């Protein structure tokens, strides 16, 4: 079963051409009407691509073919590149509660508001998300900062303080990183 889908909207001739040569590539082909197309609008999966004549439908995973003739090999190359880009973008976004952490752009966002993060802040957030229990400072020093636990430092506390402050100022969220006697955690 093929996982990647090419959905042709208002391109019946192009669908027919691809259907004739479908053994040459690894895609499922779908001829879509408006109802089928709207079902895909709700889908955040990167494994589909819309090929349409019109820019008006405005899908993120879309290639607009409004000029013909077109070379099929160039179109297939364009399709493969688009799939690669979408998969890369999809894999780089991690949900953390109501937030989206984008590893490519080093941003955390919520409700169309975004905040730039440092690589260390991202590593800290990812580590805290990965563990289910609160984490002691010593473990964060070792795992995130790769420090020797015998060092006397307030690096972890300082970074967490600054990150909390940034999150509070941007999102008005005082509970993103929680602290307790057991250590730090992300809700």
C-alpha atoms as a PDB file:
ATOM      1  CA  UNK A   1       0.000   0.000   0.000  1.00  0.00           C
ATOM      2  CA  UNK A   2       1.385   3.400  -0.993  1.00  0.00           C
ATOM      3  CA  UNK A   3       1.409   6.011   1.726  1.00  0.00           C
ATOM      4  CA  UNK A   4       1.948   9.172  -0.277  1.00  0.00           C
ATOM      5  CA  UNK A   5      -1.058  10.498  -2.173  1.00  0.00           C
ATOM      6  CA  UNK A   6      -1.290  12.871  -5.081  1.00  0.00           C
ATOM      7  CA  UNK A   7      -4.696  14.477  -5.227  1.00  0.00           C
ATOM      8  CA  UNK A   8      -5.673  15.994  -8.546  1.00  0.00           C
ATOM      9  CA  UNK A   9      -8.230  18.765  -8.330  1.00  0.00           C
ATOM     10  CA  UNK A  10      -9.594  20.201 -11.584  1.00  0.00           C
ATOM     11  CA  UNK A  11      -6.848  18.430 -13.532  1.00  0.00           C
ATOM     12  CA  UNK A  12      -8.602  15.414 -15.072  1.00  0.00           C
ATOM     13  CA  UNK A  13      -6.228  15.106 -18.047  1.00  0.00           C
ATOM     14  CA  UNK A  14      -3.156  15.210 -15.821  1.00  0.00           C
ATOM     15  CA  UNK A  15      -4.753  12.615 -13.538  1.00  0.00           C
ATOM     16  CA  UNK A  16      -5.341  10.340 -16.548  1.00  0.00           C
ATOM     17  CA  UNK A  17      -1.720  10.705 -17.676  1.00  0.00           C
ATOM     18  CA  UNK A  18      -0.395   9.881 -14.207  1.00  0.00           C
ATOM     19  CA  UNK A  19      -2.819   6.988 -13.917  1.00  0.00           C
ATOM     20  CA  UNK A  20      -1.365   5.480 -17.102  1.00  0.00           C
ATOM     21  CA  UNK A  21       2.200   5.625 -15.778  1.00  0.00           C
ATOM     22  CA  UNK A  22       1.523   5.004 -12.074  1.00  0.00           C
ATOM     23  CA  UNK A  23       3.774   1.916 -12.011  1.00  0.00           C
ATOM     24  CA  UNK A  24       6.736   4.262 -12.500  1.00  0.00           C
ATOM     25  CA  UNK A  25       6.438   5.891  -9.065  1.00  0.00           C
ATOM     26  CA  UNK A  26       5.240   5.241  -5.545  1.00  0.00           C
ATOM     27  CA  UNK A  27       2.127   7.384  -5.146  1.00  0.00           C
ATOM     28  CA  UNK A  28      -1.577   6.759  -4.685  1.00  0.00           C
ATOM     29  CA  UNK A  29      -3.546   8.832  -7.174  1.00  0.00           C
ATOM     30  CA  UNK A  30      -6.855  10.444  -6.279  1.00  0.00           C
ATOM     31  CA  UNK A  31      -9.169  12.477  -8.494  1.00  0.00           C
ATOM     32  CA  UNK A  32     -10.859  14.877  -6.096  1.00  0.00           C
ATOM     33  CA  UNK A  33     -14.031  16.866  -6.108  1.00  0.00           C
ATOM     34  CA  UNK A  34     -14.630  19.746  -3.693  1.00  0.00           C
ATOM     35  CA  UNK A  35     -15.870  17.444  -0.887  1.00  0.00           C
ATOM     36  CA  UNK A  36     -12.816  15.157  -1.012  1.00  0.00           C
ATOM     37  CA  UNK A  37     -10.559  18.188  -1.148  1.00  0.00           C
ATOM     38  CA  UNK A  38     -12.088  19.685   2.011  1.00  0.00           C
ATOM     39  CA  UNK A  39     -11.510  16.408   3.885  1.00  0.00           C
ATOM     40  CA  UNK A  40      -7.791  16.836   3.242  1.00  0.00           C
ATOM     41  CA  UNK A  41      -7.800  20.425   4.470  1.00  0.00           C
ATOM     42  CA  UNK A  42      -8.241  19.109   8.022  1.00  0.00           C
ATOM     43  CA  UNK A  43      -5.401  16.611   7.610  1.00  0.00           C
ATOM     44  CA  UNK A  44      -1.996  17.669   8.978  1.00  0.00           C
ATOM     45  CA  UNK A  45      -0.231  14.613   7.570  1.00  0.00           C
ATOM     46  CA  UNK A  46       2.583  15.496   5.139  1.00  0.00           C
ATOM     47  CA  UNK A  47       1.962  12.443   2.958  1.00  0.00           C
ATOM     48  CA  UNK A  48      -0.408  14.015   0.478  1.00  0.00           C
ATOM     49  CA  UNK A  49      -0.062  16.663  -2.170  1.00  0.00           C
ATOM     50  CA  UNK A  50      -2.717  18.617  -4.040  1.00  0.00           C
ATOM     51  CA  UNK A  51      -2.174  19.367  -7.716  1.00  0.00           C
ATOM     52  CA  UNK A  52      -4.602  21.995  -8.935  1.00  0.00           C
ATOM     53  CA  UNK A  53      -5.070  24.620 -11.604  1.00  0.00           C
ATOM     54  CA  UNK A  54      -5.974  27.346  -9.159  1.00  0.00           C
ATOM     55  CA  UNK A  55      -4.113  29.127  -6.377  1.00  0.00           C
ATOM     56  CA  UNK A  56      -7.494  29.966  -4.846  1.00  0.00           C
ATOM     57  CA  UNK A  57      -7.861  26.733  -2.886  1.00  0.00           C
ATOM     58  CA  UNK A  58      -4.784  27.627  -0.770  1.00  0.00           C
ATOM     59  CA  UNK A  59      -3.382  24.380   0.567  1.00  0.00           C
ATOM     60  CA  UNK A  60       0.033  24.246   2.162  1.00  0.00           C
ATOM     61  CA  UNK A  61       0.717  20.939   0.385  1.00  0.00           C
ATOM     62  CA  UNK A  62      -0.135  22.223  -3.065  1.00  0.00           C
ATOM     63  CA  UNK A  63       1.430  22.531  -6.479  1.00  0.00           C
ATOM     64  CA  UNK A  64      -0.366  24.813  -8.903  1.00  0.00           C
ATOM     65  CA  UNK A  65      -0.113  23.799 -12.552  1.00  0.00           C
ATOM     66  CA  UNK A  66      -1.764  26.607 -14.482  1.00  0.00           C
ATOM     67  CA  UNK A  67       0.390  26.530 -17.598  1.00  0.00           C
ATOM     68  CA  UNK A  68       0.599  23.691 -20.084  1.00  0.00           C
ATOM     69  CA  UNK A  69       2.332  21.920 -21.646  1.00  0.00           C
ATOM     70  CA  UNK A  70       4.487  20.661 -18.812  1.00  0.00           C
ATOM     71  CA  UNK A  71       7.218  18.028 -18.834  1.00  0.00           C
ATOM     72  CA  UNK A  72       6.135  15.061 -16.747  1.00  0.00           C
ATOM     73  CA  UNK A  73       9.664  14.287 -15.512  1.00  0.00           C
ATOM     74  CA  UNK A  74      10.012  17.870 -14.225  1.00  0.00           C
ATOM     75  CA  UNK A  75       6.617  17.622 -12.546  1.00  0.00           C
ATOM     76  CA  UNK A  76       7.554  14.344 -10.852  1.00  0.00           C
ATOM     77  CA  UNK A  77      10.782  15.945  -9.646  1.00  0.00           C
ATOM     78  CA  UNK A  78       8.784  18.892  -8.290  1.00  0.00           C
ATOM     79  CA  UNK A  79       6.376  16.485  -6.553  1.00  0.00           C
ATOM     80  CA  UNK A  80       9.212  14.573  -4.902  1.00  0.00           C
ATOM     81  CA  UNK A  81      10.836  17.795  -3.683  1.00  0.00           C
ATOM     82  CA  UNK A  82       7.554  19.042  -2.262  1.00  0.00           C
ATOM     83  CA  UNK A  83       7.022  15.753  -0.403  1.00  0.00           C
ATOM     84  CA  UNK A  84      10.536  15.944   1.036  1.00  0.00           C
ATOM     85  CA  UNK A  85      10.059  19.540   2.204  1.00  0.00           C
ATOM     86  CA  UNK A  86       6.681  18.816   3.787  1.00  0.00           C
ATOM     87  CA  UNK A  87       7.951  15.719   5.561  1.00  0.00           C
ATOM     88  CA  UNK A  88      10.956  17.651   6.890  1.00  0.00           C
ATOM     89  CA  UNK A  89       8.718  20.458   8.160  1.00  0.00           C
ATOM     90  CA  UNK A  90       6.227  17.999   9.660  1.00  0.00           C
ATOM     91  CA  UNK A  91       8.947  16.122  11.543  1.00  0.00           C
ATOM     92  CA  UNK A  92      10.489  19.310  12.871  1.00  0.00           C
ATOM     93  CA  UNK A  93       7.325  20.449  14.657  1.00  0.00           C
ATOM     94  CA  UNK A  94       6.689  19.041  18.127  1.00  0.00           C
ATOM     95  CA  UNK A  95       3.557  19.646  20.165  1.00  0.00           C
ATOM     96  CA  UNK A  96       4.104  20.521  23.814  1.00  0.00           C
ATOM     97  CA  UNK A  97       0.755  21.143  25.436  1.00  0.00           C
ATOM     98  CA  UNK A  98      -0.791  24.144  23.658  1.00  0.00           C
ATOM     99  CA  UNK A  99       2.571  25.044  22.078  1.00  0.00           C
ATOM    100  CA  UNK A 100       4.295  24.067  18.845  1.00  0.00           C
ATOM    101  CA  UNK A 101       8.056  23.805  18.985  1.00  0.00           C
ATOM    102  CA  UNK A 102       9.627  24.204  15.548  1.00  0.00           C
ATOM    103  CA  UNK A 103      13.125  22.730  15.508  1.00  0.00           C
ATOM    104  CA  UNK A 104      13.987  24.243  12.115  1.00  0.00           C
ATOM    105  CA  UNK A 105      13.194  27.838  12.956  1.00  0.00           C
ATOM    106  CA  UNK A 106      14.005  27.461  16.679  1.00  0.00           C
ATOM    107  CA  UNK A 107      10.654  28.917  17.665  1.00  0.00           C
ATOM    108  CA  UNK A 108       7.930  28.052  20.083  1.00  0.00           C
ATOM    109  CA  UNK A 109       4.465  29.287  19.167  1.00  0.00           C
ATOM    110  CA  UNK A 110       0.887  29.362  20.378  1.00  0.00           C
ATOM    111  CA  UNK A 111      -2.116  31.041  18.775  1.00  0.00           C
ATOM    112  CA  UNK A 112       0.000  32.557  15.962  1.00  0.00           C
ATOM    113  CA  UNK A 113       2.378  34.176  18.461  1.00  0.00           C
ATOM    114  CA  UNK A 114       5.952  32.936  18.314  1.00  0.00           C
ATOM    115  CA  UNK A 115       9.088  33.267  20.376  1.00  0.00           C
ATOM    116  CA  UNK A 116      12.668  32.665  19.255  1.00  0.00           C
ATOM    117  CA  UNK A 117      14.631  30.195  21.353  1.00  0.00           C
ATOM    118  CA  UNK A 118      18.277  29.314  21.710  1.00  0.00           C
ATOM    119  CA  UNK A 119      19.509  25.823  20.957  1.00  0.00           C
ATOM    120  CA  UNK A 120      20.085  25.234  24.678  1.00  0.00           C
ATOM    121  CA  UNK A 121      16.513  26.291  25.487  1.00  0.00           C
ATOM    122  CA  UNK A 122      15.207  23.884  22.862  1.00  0.00           C
ATOM    123  CA  UNK A 123      17.333  21.058  24.276  1.00  0.00           C
ATOM    124  CA  UNK A 124      16.061  21.822  27.763  1.00  0.00           C
ATOM    125  CA  UNK A 125      12.417  21.836  26.651  1.00  0.00           C
ATOM    126  CA  UNK A 126      12.846  18.607  24.663  1.00  0.00           C
ATOM    127  CA  UNK A 127      14.524  16.856  27.585  1.00  0.00           C
ATOM    128  CA  UNK A 128      11.845  17.945  30.059  1.00  0.00           C
ATOM    129  CA  UNK A 129       9.109  16.886  27.636  1.00  0.00           C
ATOM    130  CA  UNK A 130      10.697  13.478  27.133  1.00  0.00           C
ATOM    131  CA  UNK A 131      10.783  12.571  30.838  1.00  0.00           C
ATOM    132  CA  UNK A 132       7.557  12.013  32.715  1.00  0.00           C
ATOM    133  CA  UNK A 133       8.785  12.850  36.237  1.00  0.00           C
ATOM    134  CA  UNK A 134      10.357  16.070  37.525  1.00  0.00           C
ATOM    135  CA  UNK A 135      14.108  16.287  36.875  1.00  0.00           C
ATOM    136  CA  UNK A 136      16.723  17.397  39.409  1.00  0.00           C
ATOM    137  CA  UNK A 137      19.232  20.110  38.535  1.00  0.00           C
ATOM    138  CA  UNK A 138      22.122  17.638  38.634  1.00  0.00           C
ATOM    139  CA  UNK A 139      20.479  15.459  35.981  1.00  0.00           C
ATOM    140  CA  UNK A 140      19.826  18.486  33.756  1.00  0.00           C
ATOM    141  CA  UNK A 141      23.456  19.572  34.170  1.00  0.00           C
ATOM    142  CA  UNK A 142      24.612  16.137  33.084  1.00  0.00           C
ATOM    143  CA  UNK A 143      22.080  15.416  30.335  1.00  0.00           C
ATOM    144  CA  UNK A 144      21.450  18.836  28.775  1.00  0.00           C
ATOM    145  CA  UNK A 145      24.599  20.807  29.636  1.00  0.00           C
ATOM    146  CA  UNK A 146      26.965  17.818  29.852  1.00  0.00           C
ATOM    147  CA  UNK A 147      28.567  19.277  32.992  1.00  0.00           C
ATOM    148  CA  UNK A 148      30.291  17.286  35.687  1.00  0.00           C
ATOM    149  CA  UNK A 149      27.976  17.156  38.721  1.00  0.00           C
ATOM    150  CA  UNK A 150      30.817  18.215  41.027  1.00  0.00           C
ATOM    151  CA  UNK A 151      30.902  21.706  39.498  1.00  0.00           C
ATOM    152  CA  UNK A 152      29.392  24.500  41.542  1.00  0.00           C
ATOM    153  CA  UNK A 153      27.164  26.363  39.099  1.00  0.00           C
ATOM    154  CA  UNK A 154      23.769  27.992  38.762  1.00  0.00           C
ATOM    155  CA  UNK A 155      23.638  27.594  34.987  1.00  0.00           C
ATOM    156  CA  UNK A 156      20.481  25.464  34.986  1.00  0.00           C
ATOM    157  CA  UNK A 157      18.581  27.750  37.330  1.00  0.00           C
ATOM    158  CA  UNK A 158      19.644  30.830  35.364  1.00  0.00           C
ATOM    159  CA  UNK A 159      18.568  29.334  32.018  1.00  0.00           C
ATOM    160  CA  UNK A 160      15.250  28.150  33.404  1.00  0.00           C
ATOM    161  CA  UNK A 161      14.630  31.552  35.012  1.00  0.00           C
ATOM    162  CA  UNK A 162      15.316  33.334  31.714  1.00  0.00           C
ATOM    163  CA  UNK A 163      13.231  30.880  29.688  1.00  0.00           C
ATOM    164  CA  UNK A 164      10.305  31.183  32.101  1.00  0.00           C
ATOM    165  CA  UNK A 165      10.574  34.971  31.900  1.00  0.00           C
ATOM    166  CA  UNK A 166      10.523  34.896  28.064  1.00  0.00           C
ATOM    167  CA  UNK A 167       7.518  32.541  28.032  1.00  0.00           C
ATOM    168  CA  UNK A 168       5.661  34.668  30.589  1.00  0.00           C
ATOM    169  CA  UNK A 169       6.305  37.918  28.695  1.00  0.00           C
ATOM    170  CA  UNK A 170       5.333  36.493  25.304  1.00  0.00           C
ATOM    171  CA  UNK A 171       2.493  34.094  26.209  1.00  0.00           C
ATOM    172  CA  UNK A 172       1.505  35.205  29.714  1.00  0.00           C
ATOM    173  CA  UNK A 173       2.119  31.636  30.900  1.00  0.00           C
ATOM    174  CA  UNK A 174       3.683  31.234  34.324  1.00  0.00           C
ATOM    175  CA  UNK A 175       3.265  27.452  34.385  1.00  0.00           C
ATOM    176  CA  UNK A 176       5.189  26.282  31.312  1.00  0.00           C
ATOM    177  CA  UNK A 177       8.110  24.962  33.361  1.00  0.00           C
ATOM    178  CA  UNK A 178       7.091  23.864  36.825  1.00  0.00           C
ATOM    179  CA  UNK A 179       9.417  23.426  39.773  1.00  0.00           C
ATOM    180  CA  UNK A 180       8.963  21.311  42.855  1.00  0.00           C
ATOM    181  CA  UNK A 181      11.146  19.625  45.480  1.00  0.00           C
ATOM    182  CA  UNK A 182      11.551  16.756  43.006  1.00  0.00           C
ATOM    183  CA  UNK A 183      12.906  19.048  40.262  1.00  0.00           C
ATOM    184  CA  UNK A 184      11.715  20.721  37.060  1.00  0.00           C
ATOM    185  CA  UNK A 185       9.008  19.531  34.663  1.00  0.00           C
ATOM    186  CA  UNK A 186       6.891  20.702  31.766  1.00  0.00           C
ATOM    187  CA  UNK A 187       3.153  20.486  32.161  1.00  0.00           C
END
